[in-house]
PDB file of N, CA and C in Angstrom:
ATOM      1  N   UNK A   1     -29.789 156.626 -11.562  1.00  0.00           N
ATOM      2  CA  UNK A   1     -29.289 157.681 -12.597  1.00  0.00           C
ATOM      3  C   UNK A   1     -29.721 157.317 -14.156  1.00  0.00           C
ATOM      4  N   UNK A   2     -29.688 158.651 -14.221  1.00  0.00           N
ATOM      5  CA  UNK A   2     -29.913 158.923 -15.834  1.00  0.00           C
ATOM      6  C   UNK A   2     -28.837 159.800 -16.588  1.00  0.00           C
ATOM      7  N   UNK A   3     -28.044 159.334 -17.563  1.00  0.00           N
ATOM      8  CA  UNK A   3     -26.851 159.748 -17.866  1.00  0.00           C
ATOM      9  C   UNK A   3     -27.303 159.910 -19.350  1.00  0.00           C
ATOM     10  N   UNK A   4     -27.302 161.153 -19.531  1.00  0.00           N
ATOM     11  CA  UNK A   4     -27.349 161.485 -21.023  1.00  0.00           C
ATOM     12  C   UNK A   4     -25.798 162.521 -21.445  1.00  0.00           C
ATOM     13  N   UNK A   5     -25.373 162.277 -22.884  1.00  0.00           N
ATOM     14  CA  UNK A   5     -24.425 162.392 -23.402  1.00  0.00           C
ATOM     15  C   UNK A   5     -24.456 163.672 -24.340  1.00  0.00           C
ATOM     16  N   UNK A   6     -24.016 164.875 -24.571  1.00  0.00           N
ATOM     17  CA  UNK A   6     -24.559 166.158 -25.590  1.00  0.00           C
ATOM     18  C   UNK A   6     -23.562 165.429 -26.367  1.00  0.00           C
ATOM     19  N   UNK A   7     -24.589 164.462 -27.716  1.00  0.00           N
ATOM     20  CA  UNK A   7     -24.004 164.249 -28.755  1.00  0.00           C
ATOM     21  C   UNK A   7     -23.553 165.757 -29.715  1.00  0.00           C
ATOM     22  N   UNK A   8     -24.739 166.277 -29.860  1.00  0.00           N
ATOM     23  CA  UNK A   8     -24.058 167.652 -30.723  1.00  0.00           C
ATOM     24  C   UNK A   8     -23.084 168.290 -30.295  1.00  0.00           C
ATOM     25  N   UNK A   9     -22.717 168.516 -29.286  1.00  0.00           N
ATOM     26  CA  UNK A   9     -21.354 169.269 -28.770  1.00  0.00           C
ATOM     27  C   UNK A   9     -20.405 168.355 -29.178  1.00  0.00           C
ATOM     28  N   UNK A  10     -20.671 167.000 -28.941  1.00  0.00           N
ATOM     29  CA  UNK A  10     -19.080 166.355 -29.044  1.00  0.00           C
ATOM     30  C   UNK A  10     -18.956 166.799 -30.635  1.00  0.00           C
ATOM     31  N   UNK A  11     -19.831 166.612 -31.567  1.00  0.00           N
ATOM     32  CA  UNK A  11     -19.788 166.843 -32.439  1.00  0.00           C
ATOM     33  C   UNK A  11     -19.434 167.928 -33.524  1.00  0.00           C
ATOM     34  N   UNK A  12     -20.118 169.310 -32.531  1.00  0.00           N
ATOM     35  CA  UNK A  12     -18.941 170.594 -32.736  1.00  0.00           C
ATOM     36  C   UNK A  12     -17.719 171.137 -32.420  1.00  0.00           C
ATOM     37  N   UNK A  13     -17.485 170.521 -31.531  1.00  0.00           N
ATOM     38  CA  UNK A  13     -15.676 170.147 -30.563  1.00  0.00           C
ATOM     39  C   UNK A  13     -14.990 168.991 -31.831  1.00  0.00           C
ATOM     40  N   UNK A  14     -15.419 168.065 -32.499  1.00  0.00           N
ATOM     41  CA  UNK A  14     -14.761 167.404 -32.665  1.00  0.00           C
ATOM     42  C   UNK A  14     -14.438 168.422 -34.243  1.00  0.00           C
ATOM     43  N   UNK A  15     -15.455 168.536 -35.017  1.00  0.00           N
ATOM     44  CA  UNK A  15     -15.340 169.480 -35.929  1.00  0.00           C
ATOM     45  C   UNK A  15     -14.257 170.924 -36.032  1.00  0.00           C
ATOM     46  N   UNK A  16     -14.560 171.175 -35.264  1.00  0.00           N
ATOM     47  CA  UNK A  16     -14.140 172.778 -34.926  1.00  0.00           C
ATOM     48  C   UNK A  16     -12.531 172.473 -34.671  1.00  0.00           C
ATOM     49  N   UNK A  17     -11.800 171.153 -33.689  1.00  0.00           N
ATOM     50  CA  UNK A  17     -10.507 170.682 -33.783  1.00  0.00           C
ATOM     51  C   UNK A  17     -10.275 170.277 -35.012  1.00  0.00           C
ATOM     52  N   UNK A  18     -10.405 169.591 -35.827  1.00  0.00           N
ATOM     53  CA  UNK A  18     -10.434 169.344 -37.092  1.00  0.00           C
ATOM     54  C   UNK A  18     -10.449 170.918 -38.044  1.00  0.00           C
ATOM     55  N   UNK A  19     -11.075 171.615 -38.106  1.00  0.00           N
ATOM     56  CA  UNK A  19     -11.252 172.955 -39.268  1.00  0.00           C
ATOM     57  C   UNK A  19      -9.890 173.179 -38.214  1.00  0.00           C
ATOM     58  N   UNK A  20      -9.957 173.881 -37.174  1.00  0.00           N
ATOM     59  CA  UNK A  20      -8.366 174.311 -36.803  1.00  0.00           C
ATOM     60  C   UNK A  20      -6.944 173.772 -37.083  1.00  0.00           C
ATOM     61  N   UNK A  21      -6.953 171.940 -36.773  1.00  0.00           N
ATOM     62  CA  UNK A  21      -6.274 171.512 -37.752  1.00  0.00           C
ATOM     63  C   UNK A  21      -5.673 172.174 -38.623  1.00  0.00           C
ATOM     64  N   UNK A  22      -6.532 171.807 -39.521  1.00  0.00           N
ATOM     65  CA  UNK A  22      -6.595 172.481 -41.246  1.00  0.00           C
ATOM     66  C   UNK A  22      -6.320 173.647 -41.411  1.00  0.00           C
ATOM     67  N   UNK A  23      -6.451 174.750 -40.700  1.00  0.00           N
ATOM     68  CA  UNK A  23      -6.333 176.123 -40.590  1.00  0.00           C
ATOM     69  C   UNK A  23      -4.469 176.269 -40.152  1.00  0.00           C
ATOM     70  N   UNK A  24      -4.600 175.514 -38.985  1.00  0.00           N
ATOM     71  CA  UNK A  24      -3.203 176.203 -38.528  1.00  0.00           C
ATOM     72  C   UNK A  24      -2.077 175.368 -39.399  1.00  0.00           C
ATOM     73  N   UNK A  25      -2.171 174.254 -39.855  1.00  0.00           N
ATOM     74  CA  UNK A  25      -1.580 173.675 -40.771  1.00  0.00           C
ATOM     75  C   UNK A  25      -1.503 174.801 -41.772  1.00  0.00           C
ATOM     76  N   UNK A  26      -2.209 175.178 -42.573  1.00  0.00           N
ATOM     77  CA  UNK A  26      -2.074 176.308 -43.883  1.00  0.00           C
ATOM     78  C   UNK A  26      -1.339 177.576 -43.535  1.00  0.00           C
ATOM     79  N   UNK A  27      -1.906 177.988 -42.190  1.00  0.00           N
ATOM     80  CA  UNK A  27      -0.935 179.190 -41.949  1.00  0.00           C
ATOM     81  C   UNK A  27       0.618 178.744 -41.353  1.00  0.00           C
ATOM     82  N   UNK A  28       1.044 177.537 -40.556  1.00  0.00           N
ATOM     83  CA  UNK A  28       2.092 177.791 -40.332  1.00  0.00           C
ATOM     84  C   UNK A  28       2.927 176.457 -40.939  1.00  0.00           C
ATOM     85  N   UNK A  29       2.200 175.862 -41.450  1.00  0.00           N
ATOM     86  CA  UNK A  29       3.565 174.753 -42.103  1.00  0.00           C
ATOM     87  C   UNK A  29       3.602 174.881 -44.046  1.00  0.00           C
ATOM     88  N   UNK A  30       2.178 174.579 -44.277  1.00  0.00           N
ATOM     89  CA  UNK A  30       2.299 174.992 -45.946  1.00  0.00           C
ATOM     90  C   UNK A  30       1.047 175.202 -46.243  1.00  0.00           C
ATOM     91  N   UNK A  31       0.562 175.807 -47.586  1.00  0.00           N
ATOM     92  CA  UNK A  31      -0.357 176.508 -47.467  1.00  0.00           C
ATOM     93  C   UNK A  31      -1.570 175.736 -47.920  1.00  0.00           C
ATOM     94  N   UNK A  32      -0.770 174.549 -48.784  1.00  0.00           N
ATOM     95  CA  UNK A  32      -1.740 173.523 -49.530  1.00  0.00           C
ATOM     96  C   UNK A  32      -1.673 172.031 -48.978  1.00  0.00           C
ATOM     97  N   UNK A  33      -2.562 171.126 -48.347  1.00  0.00           N
ATOM     98  CA  UNK A  33      -2.513 169.885 -48.365  1.00  0.00           C
ATOM     99  C   UNK A  33      -3.263 169.016 -49.456  1.00  0.00           C
ATOM    100  N   UNK A  34      -2.124 168.355 -49.990  1.00  0.00           N
ATOM    101  CA  UNK A  34      -2.404 167.171 -50.816  1.00  0.00           C
ATOM    102  C   UNK A  34      -2.753 168.132 -52.169  1.00  0.00           C
ATOM    103  N   UNK A  35      -2.342 169.659 -52.361  1.00  0.00           N
ATOM    104  CA  UNK A  35      -3.014 170.156 -53.695  1.00  0.00           C
ATOM    105  C   UNK A  35      -3.592 171.191 -53.536  1.00  0.00           C
ATOM    106  N   UNK A  36      -4.143 170.897 -51.809  1.00  0.00           N
ATOM    107  CA  UNK A  36      -5.726 171.539 -51.468  1.00  0.00           C
ATOM    108  C   UNK A  36      -5.903 172.665 -50.682  1.00  0.00           C
ATOM    109  N   UNK A  37      -5.893 174.054 -50.912  1.00  0.00           N
ATOM    110  CA  UNK A  37      -5.875 174.837 -50.209  1.00  0.00           C
ATOM    111  C   UNK A  37      -6.381 174.909 -48.547  1.00  0.00           C
ATOM    112  N   UNK A  38      -5.774 175.022 -47.311  1.00  0.00           N
ATOM    113  CA  UNK A  38      -5.853 174.614 -46.575  1.00  0.00           C
ATOM    114  C   UNK A  38      -7.110 175.451 -45.609  1.00  0.00           C
ATOM    115  N   UNK A  39      -7.000 176.640 -45.774  1.00  0.00           N
ATOM    116  CA  UNK A  39      -8.029 177.623 -45.560  1.00  0.00           C
ATOM    117  C   UNK A  39      -9.829 176.814 -45.953  1.00  0.00           C
ATOM    118  N   UNK A  40      -9.584 176.302 -47.066  1.00  0.00           N
ATOM    119  CA  UNK A  40     -10.675 175.900 -48.091  1.00  0.00           C
ATOM    120  C   UNK A  40     -11.087 174.068 -47.062  1.00  0.00           C
ATOM    121  N   UNK A  41     -10.102 173.705 -46.626  1.00  0.00           N
ATOM    122  CA  UNK A  41     -10.754 172.201 -46.000  1.00  0.00           C
ATOM    123  C   UNK A  41     -10.857 172.602 -45.064  1.00  0.00           C
ATOM    124  N   UNK A  42     -10.438 173.921 -43.883  1.00  0.00           N
ATOM    125  CA  UNK A  42     -10.822 174.076 -42.868  1.00  0.00           C
ATOM    126  C   UNK A  42     -12.503 174.320 -43.090  1.00  0.00           C
ATOM    127  N   UNK A  43     -12.996 175.315 -43.543  1.00  0.00           N
ATOM    128  CA  UNK A  43     -14.598 175.518 -44.080  1.00  0.00           C
ATOM    129  C   UNK A  43     -15.072 174.663 -44.760  1.00  0.00           C
ATOM    130  N   UNK A  44     -14.399 173.660 -45.028  1.00  0.00           N
ATOM    131  CA  UNK A  44     -15.018 172.576 -45.598  1.00  0.00           C
ATOM    132  C   UNK A  44     -15.429 171.719 -44.557  1.00  0.00           C
ATOM    133  N   UNK A  45     -14.541 171.498 -43.571  1.00  0.00           N
ATOM    134  CA  UNK A  45     -14.246 170.910 -42.029  1.00  0.00           C
ATOM    135  C   UNK A  45     -15.804 170.960 -41.896  1.00  0.00           C
ATOM    136  N   UNK A  46     -15.882 172.590 -41.480  1.00  0.00           N
ATOM    137  CA  UNK A  46     -17.273 173.065 -40.398  1.00  0.00           C
ATOM    138  C   UNK A  46     -18.488 172.908 -41.391  1.00  0.00           C
ATOM    139  N   UNK A  47     -18.192 172.711 -42.548  1.00  0.00           N
ATOM    140  CA  UNK A  47     -19.800 172.336 -43.911  1.00  0.00           C
ATOM    141  C   UNK A  47     -19.660 170.659 -43.117  1.00  0.00           C
ATOM    142  N   UNK A  48     -19.049 169.859 -42.783  1.00  0.00           N
ATOM    143  CA  UNK A  48     -19.137 168.755 -42.854  1.00  0.00           C
ATOM    144  C   UNK A  48     -19.429 168.519 -41.254  1.00  0.00           C
ATOM    145  N   UNK A  49     -19.031 169.444 -40.422  1.00  0.00           N
ATOM    146  CA  UNK A  49     -19.519 169.430 -39.054  1.00  0.00           C
ATOM    147  C   UNK A  49     -21.089 169.777 -38.786  1.00  0.00           C
ATOM    148  N   UNK A  50     -21.605 170.890 -39.625  1.00  0.00           N
ATOM    149  CA  UNK A  50     -23.397 171.482 -40.136  1.00  0.00           C
ATOM    150  C   UNK A  50     -23.813 169.861 -40.443  1.00  0.00           C
ATOM    151  N   UNK A  51     -23.414 169.237 -41.369  1.00  0.00           N
ATOM    152  CA  UNK A  51     -24.073 168.316 -42.226  1.00  0.00           C
ATOM    153  C   UNK A  51     -24.461 166.787 -40.907  1.00  0.00           C
ATOM    154  N   UNK A  52     -23.344 166.544 -40.233  1.00  0.00           N
ATOM    155  CA  UNK A  52     -23.597 165.975 -39.138  1.00  0.00           C
ATOM    156  C   UNK A  52     -24.320 166.326 -38.009  1.00  0.00           C
ATOM    157  N   UNK A  53     -24.520 167.577 -37.666  1.00  0.00           N
ATOM    158  CA  UNK A  53     -25.142 167.607 -36.511  1.00  0.00           C
ATOM    159  C   UNK A  53     -26.463 167.761 -37.212  1.00  0.00           C
ATOM    160  N   UNK A  54     -26.769 167.787 -38.200  1.00  0.00           N
ATOM    161  CA  UNK A  54     -28.054 167.755 -39.469  1.00  0.00           C
ATOM    162  C   UNK A  54     -28.466 166.174 -38.925  1.00  0.00           C
ATOM    163  N   UNK A  55     -27.416 165.629 -39.140  1.00  0.00           N
ATOM    164  CA  UNK A  55     -28.189 163.983 -39.336  1.00  0.00           C
ATOM    165  C   UNK A  55     -28.209 163.343 -37.887  1.00  0.00           C
ATOM    166  N   UNK A  56     -27.665 164.053 -36.601  1.00  0.00           N
ATOM    167  CA  UNK A  56     -27.796 164.314 -35.137  1.00  0.00           C
ATOM    168  C   UNK A  56     -29.516 164.168 -34.840  1.00  0.00           C
ATOM    169  N   UNK A  57     -29.621 165.508 -35.211  1.00  0.00           N
ATOM    170  CA  UNK A  57     -30.754 166.306 -35.199  1.00  0.00           C
ATOM    171  C   UNK A  57     -32.216 165.261 -36.218  1.00  0.00           C
ATOM    172  N   UNK A  58     -31.980 164.439 -36.630  1.00  0.00           N
ATOM    173  CA  UNK A  58     -32.349 163.610 -38.342  1.00  0.00           C
ATOM    174  C   UNK A  58     -33.195 161.993 -37.520  1.00  0.00           C
ATOM    175  N   UNK A  59     -31.531 162.027 -36.487  1.00  0.00           N
ATOM    176  CA  UNK A  59     -32.100 160.316 -36.132  1.00  0.00           C
ATOM    177  C   UNK A  59     -32.904 160.864 -34.574  1.00  0.00           C
ATOM    178  N   UNK A  60     -33.043 162.146 -33.869  1.00  0.00           N
ATOM    179  CA  UNK A  60     -33.268 162.151 -32.536  1.00  0.00           C
ATOM    180  C   UNK A  60     -34.809 162.692 -32.554  1.00  0.00           C
ATOM    181  N   UNK A  61     -35.077 162.956 -34.413  1.00  0.00           N
ATOM    182  CA  UNK A  61     -36.558 163.281 -34.537  1.00  0.00           C
ATOM    183  C   UNK A  61     -36.648 164.647 -35.113  1.00  0.00           C
ATOM    184  N   UNK A  62     -35.309 165.286 -34.544  1.00  0.00           N
ATOM    185  CA  UNK A  62     -36.127 167.067 -34.689  1.00  0.00           C
ATOM    186  C   UNK A  62     -35.867 167.190 -36.048  1.00  0.00           C
ATOM    187  N   UNK A  63     -36.931 167.087 -36.934  1.00  0.00           N
ATOM    188  CA  UNK A  63     -36.456 167.447 -38.210  1.00  0.00           C
ATOM    189  C   UNK A  63     -36.288 168.631 -38.815  1.00  0.00           C
ATOM    190  N   UNK A  64     -36.903 169.496 -38.564  1.00  0.00           N
ATOM    191  CA  UNK A  64     -36.639 171.013 -38.446  1.00  0.00           C
ATOM    192  C   UNK A  64     -35.140 171.339 -38.378  1.00  0.00           C
ATOM    193  N   UNK A  65     -34.672 171.299 -36.900  1.00  0.00           N
ATOM    194  CA  UNK A  65     -33.215 171.356 -36.770  1.00  0.00           C
ATOM    195  C   UNK A  65     -32.376 170.877 -37.581  1.00  0.00           C
ATOM    196  N   UNK A  66     -32.843 169.975 -38.126  1.00  0.00           N
ATOM    197  CA  UNK A  66     -32.191 168.957 -38.921  1.00  0.00           C
ATOM    198  C   UNK A  66     -32.307 169.513 -40.560  1.00  0.00           C
ATOM    199  N   UNK A  67     -33.689 169.761 -41.116  1.00  0.00           N
ATOM    200  CA  UNK A  67     -33.327 170.845 -42.122  1.00  0.00           C
ATOM    201  C   UNK A  67     -32.264 171.898 -41.932  1.00  0.00           C
ATOM    202  N   UNK A  68     -32.494 172.247 -41.273  1.00  0.00           N
ATOM    203  CA  UNK A  68     -32.008 173.988 -40.929  1.00  0.00           C
ATOM    204  C   UNK A  68     -30.315 173.508 -40.985  1.00  0.00           C
ATOM    205  N   UNK A  69     -29.848 172.857 -40.106  1.00  0.00           N
ATOM    206  CA  UNK A  69     -28.067 172.036 -40.227  1.00  0.00           C
ATOM    207  C   UNK A  69     -27.702 172.075 -41.661  1.00  0.00           C
ATOM    208  N   UNK A  70     -28.716 170.910 -42.345  1.00  0.00           N
ATOM    209  CA  UNK A  70     -28.379 170.657 -44.078  1.00  0.00           C
ATOM    210  C   UNK A  70     -28.394 171.412 -44.564  1.00  0.00           C
ATOM    211  N   UNK A  71     -28.929 172.727 -44.417  1.00  0.00           N
ATOM    212  CA  UNK A  71     -28.997 174.150 -45.425  1.00  0.00           C
ATOM    213  C   UNK A  71     -28.541 174.908 -44.733  1.00  0.00           C
ATOM    214  N   UNK A  72     -27.731 175.005 -43.411  1.00  0.00           N
ATOM    215  CA  UNK A  72     -26.200 175.401 -43.220  1.00  0.00           C
ATOM    216  C   UNK A  72     -25.553 175.179 -43.772  1.00  0.00           C
ATOM    217  N   UNK A  73     -24.904 173.496 -43.360  1.00  0.00           N
ATOM    218  CA  UNK A  73     -24.268 172.598 -44.595  1.00  0.00           C
ATOM    219  C   UNK A  73     -24.090 173.147 -45.592  1.00  0.00           C
ATOM    220  N   UNK A  74     -25.623 173.138 -46.847  1.00  0.00           N
ATOM    221  CA  UNK A  74     -24.981 173.424 -47.864  1.00  0.00           C
ATOM    222  C   UNK A  74     -24.274 174.795 -48.311  1.00  0.00           C
ATOM    223  N   UNK A  75     -24.872 175.894 -47.150  1.00  0.00           N
ATOM    224  CA  UNK A  75     -24.517 177.551 -47.623  1.00  0.00           C
ATOM    225  C   UNK A  75     -23.557 177.764 -47.451  1.00  0.00           C
ATOM    226  N   UNK A  76     -22.429 176.944 -46.072  1.00  0.00           N
ATOM    227  CA  UNK A  76     -21.379 176.874 -45.906  1.00  0.00           C
ATOM    228  C   UNK A  76     -20.605 176.178 -47.466  1.00  0.00           C
ATOM    229  N   UNK A  77     -20.780 175.286 -47.636  1.00  0.00           N
ATOM    230  CA  UNK A  77     -20.289 173.898 -48.757  1.00  0.00           C
ATOM    231  C   UNK A  77     -20.369 175.376 -50.083  1.00  0.00           C
ATOM    232  N   UNK A  78     -21.426 176.010 -50.350  1.00  0.00           N
ATOM    233  CA  UNK A  78     -21.656 176.715 -51.392  1.00  0.00           C
ATOM    234  C   UNK A  78     -20.256 178.037 -51.411  1.00  0.00           C
ATOM    235  N   UNK A  79     -20.396 178.525 -50.205  1.00  0.00           N
ATOM    236  CA  UNK A  79     -19.700 179.846 -49.493  1.00  0.00           C
ATOM    237  C   UNK A  79     -17.841 178.903 -50.311  1.00  0.00           C
ATOM    238  N   UNK A  80     -17.462 178.236 -49.800  1.00  0.00           N
ATOM    239  CA  UNK A  80     -16.869 177.359 -49.913  1.00  0.00           C
ATOM    240  C   UNK A  80     -15.973 176.934 -51.474  1.00  0.00           C
ATOM    241  N   UNK A  81     -16.985 176.753 -52.267  1.00  0.00           N
ATOM    242  CA  UNK A  81     -16.094 176.763 -53.510  1.00  0.00           C
ATOM    243  C   UNK A  81     -16.623 177.353 -54.633  1.00  0.00           C
ATOM    244  N   UNK A  82     -17.313 178.985 -54.212  1.00  0.00           N
ATOM    245  CA  UNK A  82     -17.854 179.287 -54.520  1.00  0.00           C
ATOM    246  C   UNK A  82     -17.209 179.627 -55.856  1.00  0.00           C
ATOM    247  N   UNK A  83     -17.487 180.409 -57.262  1.00  0.00           N
ATOM    248  CA  UNK A  83     -16.449 180.910 -57.665  1.00  0.00           C
ATOM    249  C   UNK A  83     -16.931 182.457 -58.074  1.00  0.00           C
ATOM    250  N   UNK A  84     -17.720 182.970 -57.968  1.00  0.00           N
ATOM    251  CA  UNK A  84     -18.159 184.024 -58.100  1.00  0.00           C
ATOM    252  C   UNK A  84     -19.040 184.654 -56.690  1.00  0.00           C
ATOM    253  N   UNK A  85     -19.173 186.181 -57.366  1.00  0.00           N
ATOM    254  CA  UNK A  85     -19.864 186.854 -56.406  1.00  0.00           C
ATOM    255  C   UNK A  85     -21.109 186.355 -55.851  1.00  0.00           C
ATOM    256  N   UNK A  86     -22.612 186.017 -57.072  1.00  0.00           N
ATOM    257  CA  UNK A  86     -23.589 185.521 -56.551  1.00  0.00           C
ATOM    258  C   UNK A  86     -23.257 184.110 -55.934  1.00  0.00           C
ATOM    259  N   UNK A  87     -22.631 183.235 -56.141  1.00  0.00           N
ATOM    260  CA  UNK A  87     -22.443 181.765 -55.485  1.00  0.00           C
ATOM    261  C   UNK A  87     -22.077 182.699 -54.292  1.00  0.00           C
ATOM    262  N   UNK A  88     -21.854 183.436 -53.621  1.00  0.00           N
ATOM    263  CA  UNK A  88     -21.126 183.679 -51.820  1.00  0.00           C
ATOM    264  C   UNK A  88     -22.328 184.367 -51.278  1.00  0.00           C
ATOM    265  N   UNK A  89     -23.118 185.135 -52.832  1.00  0.00           N
ATOM    266  CA  UNK A  89     -24.132 185.743 -51.544  1.00  0.00           C
ATOM    267  C   UNK A  89     -25.221 184.635 -51.404  1.00  0.00           C
ATOM    268  N   UNK A  90     -25.217 183.809 -52.369  1.00  0.00           N
ATOM    269  CA  UNK A  90     -26.671 182.982 -52.120  1.00  0.00           C
ATOM    270  C   UNK A  90     -26.050 181.515 -50.646  1.00  0.00           C
ATOM    271  N   UNK A  91     -24.963 181.357 -51.042  1.00  0.00           N
ATOM    272  CA  UNK A  91     -24.254 180.568 -50.047  1.00  0.00           C
ATOM    273  C   UNK A  91     -24.653 181.396 -48.438  1.00  0.00           C
ATOM    274  N   UNK A  92     -24.257 182.813 -48.552  1.00  0.00           N
ATOM    275  CA  UNK A  92     -24.459 183.409 -46.960  1.00  0.00           C
ATOM    276  C   UNK A  92     -26.061 183.462 -46.617  1.00  0.00           C
ATOM    277  N   UNK A  93     -26.878 183.928 -48.284  1.00  0.00           N
ATOM    278  CA  UNK A  93     -27.883 184.161 -47.685  1.00  0.00           C
ATOM    279  C   UNK A  93     -28.810 182.400 -46.882  1.00  0.00           C
ATOM    280  N   UNK A  94     -28.077 181.583 -47.204  1.00  0.00           N
ATOM    281  CA  UNK A  94     -28.573 180.326 -46.842  1.00  0.00           C
ATOM    282  C   UNK A  94     -27.992 180.019 -45.428  1.00  0.00           C
ATOM    283  N   UNK A  95     -26.861 180.326 -45.376  1.00  0.00           N
ATOM    284  CA  UNK A  95     -26.667 180.406 -43.679  1.00  0.00           C
ATOM    285  C   UNK A  95     -27.291 181.281 -42.668  1.00  0.00           C
ATOM    286  N   UNK A  96     -27.505 182.670 -43.315  1.00  0.00           N
ATOM    287  CA  UNK A  96     -28.339 183.965 -42.358  1.00  0.00           C
ATOM    288  C   UNK A  96     -29.730 183.085 -42.031  1.00  0.00           C
ATOM    289  N   UNK A  97     -30.327 182.872 -43.213  1.00  0.00           N
ATOM    290  CA  UNK A  97     -31.697 181.938 -42.864  1.00  0.00           C
ATOM    291  C   UNK A  97     -32.266 181.087 -41.788  1.00  0.00           C
ATOM    292  N   UNK A  98     -31.074 179.736 -42.296  1.00  0.00           N
ATOM    293  CA  UNK A  98     -31.138 178.842 -41.653  1.00  0.00           C
ATOM    294  C   UNK A  98     -30.618 178.779 -40.359  1.00  0.00           C
ATOM    295  N   UNK A  99     -29.210 179.902 -39.865  1.00  0.00           N
ATOM    296  CA  UNK A  99     -28.694 180.034 -38.785  1.00  0.00           C
ATOM    297  C   UNK A  99     -29.471 180.967 -37.848  1.00  0.00           C
ATOM    298  N   UNK A 100     -30.551 181.957 -38.551  1.00  0.00           N
ATOM    299  CA  UNK A 100     -31.683 182.517 -37.358  1.00  0.00           C
ATOM    300  C   UNK A 100     -32.619 181.862 -37.123  1.00  0.00           C
ATOM    301  N   UNK A 101     -33.105 180.510 -38.005  1.00  0.00           N
ATOM    302  CA  UNK A 101     -34.050 179.897 -37.833  1.00  0.00           C
ATOM    303  C   UNK A 101     -33.873 178.657 -36.356  1.00  0.00           C
ATOM    304  N   UNK A 102     -32.299 178.646 -36.113  1.00  0.00           N
ATOM    305  CA  UNK A 102     -31.403 177.855 -35.555  1.00  0.00           C
ATOM    306  C   UNK A 102     -31.847 178.864 -34.429  1.00  0.00           C
ATOM    307  N   UNK A 103     -31.516 179.508 -34.442  1.00  0.00           N
ATOM    308  CA  UNK A 103     -31.244 180.736 -32.936  1.00  0.00           C
ATOM    309  C   UNK A 103     -32.640 180.663 -32.225  1.00  0.00           C
ATOM    310  N   UNK A 104     -33.115 180.891 -33.359  1.00  0.00           N
ATOM    311  CA  UNK A 104     -34.623 181.181 -32.683  1.00  0.00           C
ATOM    312  C   UNK A 104     -35.189 179.981 -32.046  1.00  0.00           C
ATOM    313  N   UNK A 105     -35.331 178.641 -32.761  1.00  0.00           N
ATOM    314  CA  UNK A 105     -35.584 177.530 -31.640  1.00  0.00           C
ATOM    315  C   UNK A 105     -34.798 176.619 -30.451  1.00  0.00           C
ATOM    316  N   UNK A 106     -33.836 177.113 -30.918  1.00  0.00           N
ATOM    317  CA  UNK A 106     -32.710 177.071 -29.452  1.00  0.00           C
ATOM    318  C   UNK A 106     -33.364 178.285 -28.268  1.00  0.00           C
ATOM    319  N   UNK A 107     -33.445 179.699 -28.790  1.00  0.00           N
ATOM    320  CA  UNK A 107     -34.091 180.540 -27.264  1.00  0.00           C
ATOM    321  C   UNK A 107     -35.127 180.259 -27.047  1.00  0.00           C
ATOM    322  N   UNK A 108     -35.856 179.702 -28.133  1.00  0.00           N
ATOM    323  CA  UNK A 108     -37.405 179.295 -27.701  1.00  0.00           C
ATOM    324  C   UNK A 108     -37.183 177.807 -26.863  1.00  0.00           C
ATOM    325  N   UNK A 109     -36.745 177.360 -27.051  1.00  0.00           N
ATOM    326  CA  UNK A 109     -36.398 175.643 -26.234  1.00  0.00           C
ATOM    327  C   UNK A 109     -35.743 176.045 -25.024  1.00  0.00           C
ATOM    328  N   UNK A 110     -34.473 177.035 -25.098  1.00  0.00           N
ATOM    329  CA  UNK A 110     -34.167 177.462 -23.393  1.00  0.00           C
ATOM    330  C   UNK A 110     -34.988 178.289 -22.449  1.00  0.00           C
ATOM    331  N   UNK A 111     -36.147 179.026 -23.163  1.00  0.00           N
ATOM    332  CA  UNK A 111     -37.407 179.753 -22.432  1.00  0.00           C
ATOM    333  C   UNK A 111     -38.198 178.678 -22.019  1.00  0.00           C
ATOM    334  N   UNK A 112     -38.427 177.699 -22.763  1.00  0.00           N
ATOM    335  CA  UNK A 112     -39.113 176.428 -22.577  1.00  0.00           C
ATOM    336  C   UNK A 112     -38.883 175.579 -20.833  1.00  0.00           C
ATOM    337  N   UNK A 113     -37.784 175.231 -21.322  1.00  0.00           N
ATOM    338  CA  UNK A 113     -37.371 174.430 -20.097  1.00  0.00           C
ATOM    339  C   UNK A 113     -36.612 175.773 -18.585  1.00  0.00           C
ATOM    340  N   UNK A 114     -37.041 177.184 -19.152  1.00  0.00           N
ATOM    341  CA  UNK A 114     -36.525 177.624 -17.653  1.00  0.00           C
ATOM    342  C   UNK A 114     -38.124 178.171 -16.943  1.00  0.00           C
ATOM    343  N   UNK A 115     -38.901 177.529 -17.859  1.00  0.00           N
ATOM    344  CA  UNK A 115     -40.703 178.017 -17.640  1.00  0.00           C
ATOM    345  C   UNK A 115     -40.609 176.228 -16.630  1.00  0.00           C
ATOM    346  N   UNK A 116     -40.710 175.790 -17.112  1.00  0.00           N
ATOM    347  CA  UNK A 116     -41.292 173.979 -16.888  1.00  0.00           C
ATOM    348  C   UNK A 116     -40.431 174.318 -14.965  1.00  0.00           C
ATOM    349  N   UNK A 117     -38.906 174.741 -15.430  1.00  0.00           N
ATOM    350  CA  UNK A 117     -37.783 174.678 -14.033  1.00  0.00           C
ATOM    351  C   UNK A 117     -38.501 175.279 -13.387  1.00  0.00           C
ATOM    352  N   UNK A 118     -39.051 176.441 -13.244  1.00  0.00           N
ATOM    353  CA  UNK A 118     -39.474 177.712 -12.493  1.00  0.00           C
ATOM    354  C   UNK A 118     -40.713 177.389 -11.963  1.00  0.00           C
TER     355      UNK A 118
END
């Protein structure tokens, strides 16, 4: 029997738990962790999660998705550390562009799976 593991789902789950832990700590215990805003750390954890998913896709040979997730990580990191409005808008533009591509590729892949199975 062939067993597969959803590595992407596991990485996203772990990253989400870390981000939620940072956020909860900042909300209920203290606003900062070692002098850094907990919300900034939470957003940074999501950016690191996107970067990890990019590495996973690269390892499996999906360079297009690796690039898209890498761009999403850069966009979220830019939004996280932005000092002014144009930097935020640039980060959001990267997130929208990469997210749109990821959504499009995911929908196409699922449609192809249904056609093959049906």
